[in-house]
Amino acid sequence: MDITLIAIAIFILVAIVFLALYLFKSINKKSFTAEDGSVFDSESELDIYQKLFDKTKPLFSSDIEKGSASQPILGFDKSFISNLKTEGFPDLKTVVKYRKQIKLLSDLINT
C-alpha cells in the first residue's frame, strides 16, 4: 500500500511540475498584434503582414462600390475586384479573362 501511495504522489507531483512549466511558458510568450487584431508570434511576421495590409487595404475599402465604374484602383478593374471579393472565378474562362489582373495581384502581394 505504501508503494502505491508513493507512486500516486510522484505521478501527481510530476503532473503539477509539467503543468507549471506549461503555464509559465504560456505567460512569458510574447505576441504581436496588428491594427486589425491579427496576432503574430514574431515582430517580423507582424511587419510583413502590416505592409501587405497597408498595400492591399484600398482593394477592400467600401469606397470602391461608391466610385466610378471606369476608374481602376491600384491598377485593378472594378469587375476584377468584385469577382475577387464576392463572386469568385467560377470557370477557366473567367480566370483567363483576368489573368493579367491576377498576375498584378500576385506581384503586389509578393513584393
Protein backbone atom coordinates (compact mmCIF):
# COMPACT_ATOMS: atom_id res chain seq x y z
CA MET A 1 0.00 0.00 0.00
CA ASP A 2 2.83 2.38 0.75
CA ILE A 3 4.36 1.82 -2.69
CA THR A 4 1.02 2.60 -4.38
CA LEU A 5 0.64 5.78 -2.36
CA ILE A 6 4.20 6.87 -3.18
CA ALA A 7 3.66 6.15 -6.91
CA ILE A 8 0.46 8.19 -6.94
CA ALA A 9 2.17 11.08 -5.13
CA ILE A 10 5.10 11.04 -7.57
CA PHE A 11 2.69 10.98 -10.53
CA ILE A 12 0.73 13.94 -9.15
CA LEU A 13 3.95 15.84 -8.42
CA VAL A 14 5.25 15.26 -11.97
CA ALA A 15 1.90 16.35 -13.42
CA ILE A 16 1.97 19.55 -11.35
CA VAL A 17 5.54 20.31 -12.46
CA PHE A 18 4.64 19.87 -16.15
CA LEU A 19 1.51 21.98 -15.72
CA ALA A 20 3.52 24.73 -14.01
CA LEU A 21 6.14 24.69 -16.79
CA TYR A 22 3.44 24.90 -19.46
CA LEU A 23 1.68 27.80 -17.74
CA PHE A 24 4.96 29.64 -17.16
CA LYS A 25 5.90 29.25 -20.81
CA SER A 26 2.46 30.49 -21.94
CA ILE A 27 2.61 33.54 -19.70
CA ASN A 28 6.06 34.62 -20.90
CA LYS A 29 5.26 34.13 -24.59
CA LYS A 30 5.24 37.45 -26.42
CA SER A 31 2.67 38.12 -29.07
CA PHE A 32 2.39 40.98 -31.51
CA THR A 33 -0.98 42.38 -32.58
CA ALA A 34 -1.75 44.15 -35.87
CA GLU A 35 -4.16 47.05 -36.30
CA ASP A 36 -6.96 44.72 -37.36
CA GLY A 37 -6.49 42.39 -34.38
CA SER A 38 -4.45 39.65 -36.06
CA VAL A 39 -1.91 38.13 -33.65
CA PHE A 40 1.64 37.05 -34.58
CA ASP A 41 4.45 35.29 -32.73
CA SER A 42 7.25 37.50 -34.05
CA GLU A 43 7.68 41.13 -34.88
CA SER A 44 9.00 40.33 -38.36
CA GLU A 45 5.78 38.43 -39.22
CA LEU A 46 3.79 41.41 -37.95
CA ASP A 47 5.81 43.84 -40.09
CA ILE A 48 5.32 41.73 -43.23
CA TYR A 49 1.59 41.46 -42.57
CA GLN A 50 1.22 45.16 -41.79
CA LYS A 51 2.98 46.19 -45.01
CA LEU A 52 0.82 43.83 -47.07
CA PHE A 53 -2.30 45.01 -45.23
CA ASP A 54 -1.48 48.65 -45.96
CA LYS A 55 -0.80 47.91 -49.65
CA THR A 56 -3.99 45.93 -50.23
CA LYS A 57 -6.36 47.87 -47.95
CA PRO A 58 -7.75 50.02 -50.80
CA LEU A 59 -8.93 46.85 -52.58
CA PHE A 60 -11.30 46.01 -49.76
CA SER A 61 -12.46 49.52 -48.96
CA SER A 62 -16.18 50.22 -49.13
CA ASP A 63 -15.40 53.33 -51.23
CA ILE A 64 -14.89 51.05 -54.25
CA GLU A 65 -18.63 50.47 -54.62
CA LYS A 66 -19.30 54.22 -54.45
CA GLY A 67 -16.66 55.23 -57.02
CA SER A 68 -16.97 55.41 -60.77
CA ALA A 69 -17.07 52.15 -62.72
CA SER A 70 -14.23 53.02 -65.06
CA GLN A 71 -11.60 54.19 -62.56
CA PRO A 72 -9.14 51.42 -61.63
CA ILE A 73 -7.95 51.01 -58.05
CA LEU A 74 -4.26 50.15 -57.66
CA GLY A 75 -4.36 49.16 -61.33
CA PHE A 76 -7.24 46.69 -60.89
CA ASP A 77 -10.55 46.83 -62.76
CA LYS A 78 -13.67 47.10 -60.60
CA SER A 79 -15.07 43.94 -62.16
CA PHE A 80 -11.94 42.01 -61.10
CA ILE A 81 -12.20 43.37 -57.55
CA SER A 82 -15.88 42.42 -57.46
CA ASN A 83 -15.05 38.87 -58.55
CA LEU A 84 -12.22 38.70 -56.05
CA LYS A 85 -14.38 39.82 -53.13
CA THR A 86 -17.73 38.21 -53.79
CA GLU A 87 -18.33 36.13 -56.89
CA GLY A 88 -15.00 34.34 -57.26
CA PHE A 89 -13.77 32.80 -60.51
CA PRO A 90 -16.27 30.07 -61.36
CA ASP A 91 -14.67 28.81 -64.57
CA LEU A 92 -11.48 28.82 -66.61
CA LYS A 93 -12.85 31.44 -68.99
CA THR A 94 -13.11 33.96 -66.14
CA VAL A 95 -9.62 33.14 -64.86
CA VAL A 96 -8.13 33.58 -68.34
CA LYS A 97 -10.03 36.83 -68.80
CA TYR A 98 -8.45 38.25 -65.64
CA ARG A 99 -5.01 36.61 -65.95
CA LYS A 100 -3.19 39.97 -66.14
CA GLN A 101 -5.09 41.22 -63.09
CA ILE A 102 -4.27 38.03 -61.18
CA LYS A 103 -0.60 38.43 -62.09
CA LEU A 104 -0.72 42.05 -60.90
CA LEU A 105 -2.27 40.94 -57.60
CA SER A 106 0.39 38.26 -57.21
CA ASP A 107 3.13 40.81 -57.83
CA LEU A 108 1.55 43.20 -55.31
CA ILE A 109 1.41 40.51 -52.63
CA ASN A 110 4.89 39.10 -53.26
CA THR A 111 6.83 42.39 -53.32
